[in-house]
Every structure is written in C-alpha cells, then in structure tokens.
Amino acid sequence: MELVSTVEAGDRWITHCAWAPWKVSDTGAGALGVATQMRVNVQPSATSALACGLSNGNVVLIDVTQKLLLTPPGSPHSLEVTTVIRDEKVAAPDKRIITAMRWVSRQGDIVSDLVLLTLI
C-alpha cells in the first residue's frame, strides 16, 4: 500500500466520506479495473466521485480518476491518480451535523445521486 494522492477538502474536520460506484473505461479492463488483456497502448482507467462531509455541514465533491500504466512484461505496473475538486455546492455549511451520507443508484441508471441525512 502506498500514498498516491493528497487532496485538501477544506479547513474543517472530515466527518463522513462516501464513494460513488467506480466506472471502468476501456475494453482492456475487467472487474475492479484489473487489466485482463495485455495489449499495446491500452491503459485501463476508472473514475469515481468521493463526497466528503465536513464538521460544519459542508459537503465537498472530489472527482478521482485512476489510470493503470502498463509496462513491459515482468516490470511492476504503476498507477496514475488525478483528483479534481468540484465547484458545485451539494450542501452549504449551516453548522448542522451530517449523520449519514451515501450514493444511491436506481437499477439500470448510470448516474448516482448523493443522499445526506442531517439533524435538524
């Protein structure tokens, strides 16, 4: 295990995190983004969103992309990770405590929605 990226989500404590389902791209990738066929110039990648709930009630969304960099046979593979903090506001900081946070997908939908539960 190794640290591949660091992102500053805000100036408050992160109290909740929720990952959206990973979406694997490229036909060279199988389940969980693992390369199933070693073909030239195929770089499997996967994308997801991480929702971070902060202690002041704010929610920050971070887009995460992982790309498997293929190397010659016998060499270790490396992982390239990029992160982008979204500008959109999911929840404004109103000092209410987030009690639960989860991504929800309806069967057959490609897009997931973030659901927040807060104390009133």
C-alpha atoms as a PDB file:
ATOM      1  CA  MET A   1       0.000   0.000   0.000  1.00  0.00           C
ATOM      2  CA  GLU A   2       1.262   3.476  -0.824  1.00  0.00           C
ATOM      3  CA  LEU A   3       0.019   7.056  -0.740  1.00  0.00           C
ATOM      4  CA  VAL A   4      -0.770   8.097  -4.322  1.00  0.00           C
ATOM      5  CA  SER A   5      -2.511  11.446  -3.831  1.00  0.00           C
ATOM      6  CA  THR A   6      -3.328  14.065  -1.213  1.00  0.00           C
ATOM      7  CA  VAL A   7      -6.242  16.494  -1.525  1.00  0.00           C
ATOM      8  CA  GLU A   8      -7.232  19.335   0.801  1.00  0.00           C
ATOM      9  CA  ALA A   9     -11.031  19.104   1.043  1.00  0.00           C
ATOM     10  CA  GLY A  10     -11.494  22.057   3.375  1.00  0.00           C
ATOM     11  CA  ASP A  11     -10.413  23.726   6.573  1.00  0.00           C
ATOM     12  CA  ARG A  12     -12.693  21.647   8.835  1.00  0.00           C
ATOM     13  CA  TRP A  13     -12.582  18.048  10.024  1.00  0.00           C
ATOM     14  CA  ILE A  14     -13.909  15.463   7.573  1.00  0.00           C
ATOM     15  CA  THR A  15     -16.600  13.537   9.451  1.00  0.00           C
ATOM     16  CA  HIS A  16     -18.120  11.420   6.655  1.00  0.00           C
ATOM     17  CA  CYS A  17     -16.897  10.029   3.331  1.00  0.00           C
ATOM     18  CA  ALA A  18     -18.881   8.249   0.637  1.00  0.00           C
ATOM     19  CA  TRP A  19     -17.570   6.795  -2.639  1.00  0.00           C
ATOM     20  CA  ALA A  20     -19.750   6.728  -5.752  1.00  0.00           C
ATOM     21  CA  PRO A  21     -19.611   3.486  -7.752  1.00  0.00           C
ATOM     22  CA  TRP A  22     -16.461   3.163  -9.861  1.00  0.00           C
ATOM     23  CA  LYS A  23     -16.905   3.334 -13.631  1.00  0.00           C
ATOM     24  CA  VAL A  24     -14.290   1.368 -15.563  1.00  0.00           C
ATOM     25  CA  SER A  25     -13.448   2.562 -19.054  1.00  0.00           C
ATOM     26  CA  ASP A  26     -11.683   0.841 -21.942  1.00  0.00           C
ATOM     27  CA  THR A  27     -12.255  -2.692 -23.124  1.00  0.00           C
ATOM     28  CA  GLY A  28      -8.865  -3.723 -21.768  1.00  0.00           C
ATOM     29  CA  ALA A  29     -10.158  -3.589 -18.197  1.00  0.00           C
ATOM     30  CA  GLY A  30     -12.142  -6.198 -16.343  1.00  0.00           C
ATOM     31  CA  ALA A  31     -13.774  -6.294 -12.932  1.00  0.00           C
ATOM     32  CA  LEU A  32     -12.405  -3.776 -10.449  1.00  0.00           C
ATOM     33  CA  GLY A  33     -10.247  -2.166 -13.127  1.00  0.00           C
ATOM     34  CA  VAL A  34      -7.809  -5.065 -13.379  1.00  0.00           C
ATOM     35  CA  ALA A  35      -6.279  -5.477 -16.833  1.00  0.00           C
ATOM     36  CA  THR A  36      -7.445  -8.738 -18.389  1.00  0.00           C
ATOM     37  CA  GLN A  37      -5.631  -8.466 -21.702  1.00  0.00           C
ATOM     38  CA  MET A  38      -2.173  -7.025 -22.189  1.00  0.00           C
ATOM     39  CA  ARG A  39      -2.461  -5.079 -25.430  1.00  0.00           C
ATOM     40  CA  VAL A  40      -0.203  -2.344 -26.720  1.00  0.00           C
ATOM     41  CA  ASN A  41      -1.285   1.209 -25.773  1.00  0.00           C
ATOM     42  CA  VAL A  42      -4.254   0.043 -23.686  1.00  0.00           C
ATOM     43  CA  GLN A  43      -4.385   1.991 -20.446  1.00  0.00           C
ATOM     44  CA  PRO A  44      -7.401   0.917 -18.396  1.00  0.00           C
ATOM     45  CA  SER A  45      -8.843   3.632 -16.179  1.00  0.00           C
ATOM     46  CA  ALA A  46     -11.586   4.004 -13.605  1.00  0.00           C
ATOM     47  CA  THR A  47     -13.397   7.093 -12.335  1.00  0.00           C
ATOM     48  CA  SER A  48     -15.451   7.803  -9.244  1.00  0.00           C
ATOM     49  CA  ALA A  49     -16.518  10.659  -7.002  1.00  0.00           C
ATOM     50  CA  LEU A  50     -15.728  10.996  -3.322  1.00  0.00           C
ATOM     51  CA  ALA A  51     -18.112  13.030  -1.180  1.00  0.00           C
ATOM     52  CA  CYS A  52     -16.513  14.473   1.964  1.00  0.00           C
ATOM     53  CA  GLY A  53     -18.805  15.756   4.709  1.00  0.00           C
ATOM     54  CA  LEU A  54     -17.145  18.405   6.867  1.00  0.00           C
ATOM     55  CA  SER A  55     -17.826  19.171  10.530  1.00  0.00           C
ATOM     56  CA  ASN A  56     -19.620  22.441   9.648  1.00  0.00           C
ATOM     57  CA  GLY A  57     -22.166  20.626   7.414  1.00  0.00           C
ATOM     58  CA  ASN A  58     -20.458  21.472   4.116  1.00  0.00           C
ATOM     59  CA  VAL A  59     -20.033  18.688   1.533  1.00  0.00           C
ATOM     60  CA  VAL A  60     -17.136  18.700  -0.913  1.00  0.00           C
ATOM     61  CA  LEU A  61     -17.155  16.517  -4.047  1.00  0.00           C
ATOM     62  CA  ILE A  62     -13.872  15.237  -5.458  1.00  0.00           C
ATOM     63  CA  ASP A  63     -13.620  13.503  -8.832  1.00  0.00           C
ATOM     64  CA  VAL A  64     -10.997  10.744  -8.792  1.00  0.00           C
ATOM     65  CA  THR A  65      -9.518   9.042 -11.865  1.00  0.00           C
ATOM     66  CA  GLN A  66      -7.114   6.115 -11.672  1.00  0.00           C
ATOM     67  CA  LYS A  67      -5.189   5.012 -14.734  1.00  0.00           C
ATOM     68  CA  LEU A  68      -3.188   1.791 -14.854  1.00  0.00           C
ATOM     69  CA  LEU A  69       0.064   2.493 -16.661  1.00  0.00           C
ATOM     70  CA  LEU A  70       1.063  -0.701 -18.405  1.00  0.00           C
ATOM     71  CA  THR A  71       4.747  -1.622 -18.516  1.00  0.00           C
ATOM     72  CA  PRO A  72       6.764  -4.330 -20.270  1.00  0.00           C
ATOM     73  CA  PRO A  73       6.153  -7.902 -19.065  1.00  0.00           C
ATOM     74  CA  GLY A  74       7.977  -8.631 -15.807  1.00  0.00           C
ATOM     75  CA  SER A  75       8.018  -4.976 -14.721  1.00  0.00           C
ATOM     76  CA  PRO A  76       5.732  -3.663 -11.975  1.00  0.00           C
ATOM     77  CA  HIS A  77       2.737  -1.637 -13.102  1.00  0.00           C
ATOM     78  CA  SER A  78       2.185   1.868 -11.828  1.00  0.00           C
ATOM     79  CA  LEU A  79      -0.972   3.783 -11.046  1.00  0.00           C
ATOM     80  CA  GLU A  80      -1.596   7.393 -12.064  1.00  0.00           C
ATOM     81  CA  VAL A  81      -4.195   9.157  -9.905  1.00  0.00           C
ATOM     82  CA  THR A  82      -5.744  12.537 -10.684  1.00  0.00           C
ATOM     83  CA  THR A  83      -8.151  14.435  -8.451  1.00  0.00           C
ATOM     84  CA  VAL A  84     -10.349  17.451  -9.147  1.00  0.00           C
ATOM     85  CA  ILE A  85     -12.398  19.272  -6.514  1.00  0.00           C
ATOM     86  CA  ARG A  86     -15.786  20.211  -7.980  1.00  0.00           C
ATOM     87  CA  ASP A  87     -17.061  23.773  -7.699  1.00  0.00           C
ATOM     88  CA  GLU A  88     -20.672  22.715  -7.191  1.00  0.00           C
ATOM     89  CA  LYS A  89     -22.211  23.090  -3.743  1.00  0.00           C
ATOM     90  CA  VAL A  90     -24.035  19.997  -2.500  1.00  0.00           C
ATOM     91  CA  ALA A  91     -24.782  21.391   0.927  1.00  0.00           C
ATOM     92  CA  ALA A  92     -23.941  24.819   2.284  1.00  0.00           C
ATOM     93  CA  PRO A  93     -22.251  24.951   5.673  1.00  0.00           C
ATOM     94  CA  ASP A  94     -25.113  25.559   8.122  1.00  0.00           C
ATOM     95  CA  LYS A  95     -23.498  24.039  11.239  1.00  0.00           C
ATOM     96  CA  ARG A  96     -25.947  21.106  11.266  1.00  0.00           C
ATOM     97  CA  ILE A  97     -24.273  17.743  11.786  1.00  0.00           C
ATOM     98  CA  ILE A  98     -24.277  15.257   8.929  1.00  0.00           C
ATOM     99  CA  THR A  99     -25.427  11.928  10.359  1.00  0.00           C
ATOM    100  CA  ALA A 100     -25.226   9.826   7.187  1.00  0.00           C
ATOM    101  CA  MET A 101     -24.154  10.174   3.591  1.00  0.00           C
ATOM    102  CA  ARG A 102     -24.499   7.650   0.767  1.00  0.00           C
ATOM    103  CA  TRP A 103     -24.539   7.445  -3.029  1.00  0.00           C
ATOM    104  CA  VAL A 104     -27.744   5.875  -4.330  1.00  0.00           C
ATOM    105  CA  SER A 105     -28.298   4.386  -7.801  1.00  0.00           C
ATOM    106  CA  ARG A 106     -31.555   3.154  -9.216  1.00  0.00           C
ATOM    107  CA  GLN A 107     -31.350  -0.135 -11.082  1.00  0.00           C
ATOM    108  CA  GLY A 108     -30.209   0.480 -14.661  1.00  0.00           C
ATOM    109  CA  ASP A 109     -29.189   4.115 -14.028  1.00  0.00           C
ATOM    110  CA  ILE A 110     -25.698   5.211 -14.954  1.00  0.00           C
ATOM    111  CA  VAL A 111     -25.753   8.228 -12.642  1.00  0.00           C
ATOM    112  CA  SER A 112     -25.766   8.059  -8.842  1.00  0.00           C
ATOM    113  CA  ASP A 113     -27.274  10.669  -6.512  1.00  0.00           C
ATOM    114  CA  LEU A 114     -25.802  11.711  -3.181  1.00  0.00           C
ATOM    115  CA  VAL A 115     -28.198  11.444  -0.241  1.00  0.00           C
ATOM    116  CA  LEU A 116     -27.500  13.334   3.013  1.00  0.00           C
ATOM    117  CA  LEU A 117     -29.164  12.947   6.390  1.00  0.00           C
ATOM    118  CA  THR A 118     -28.754  15.800   8.852  1.00  0.00           C
ATOM    119  CA  LEU A 119     -30.003  16.596  12.333  1.00  0.00           C
ATOM    120  CA  ILE A 120     -32.499  19.443  12.485  1.00  0.00           C
END
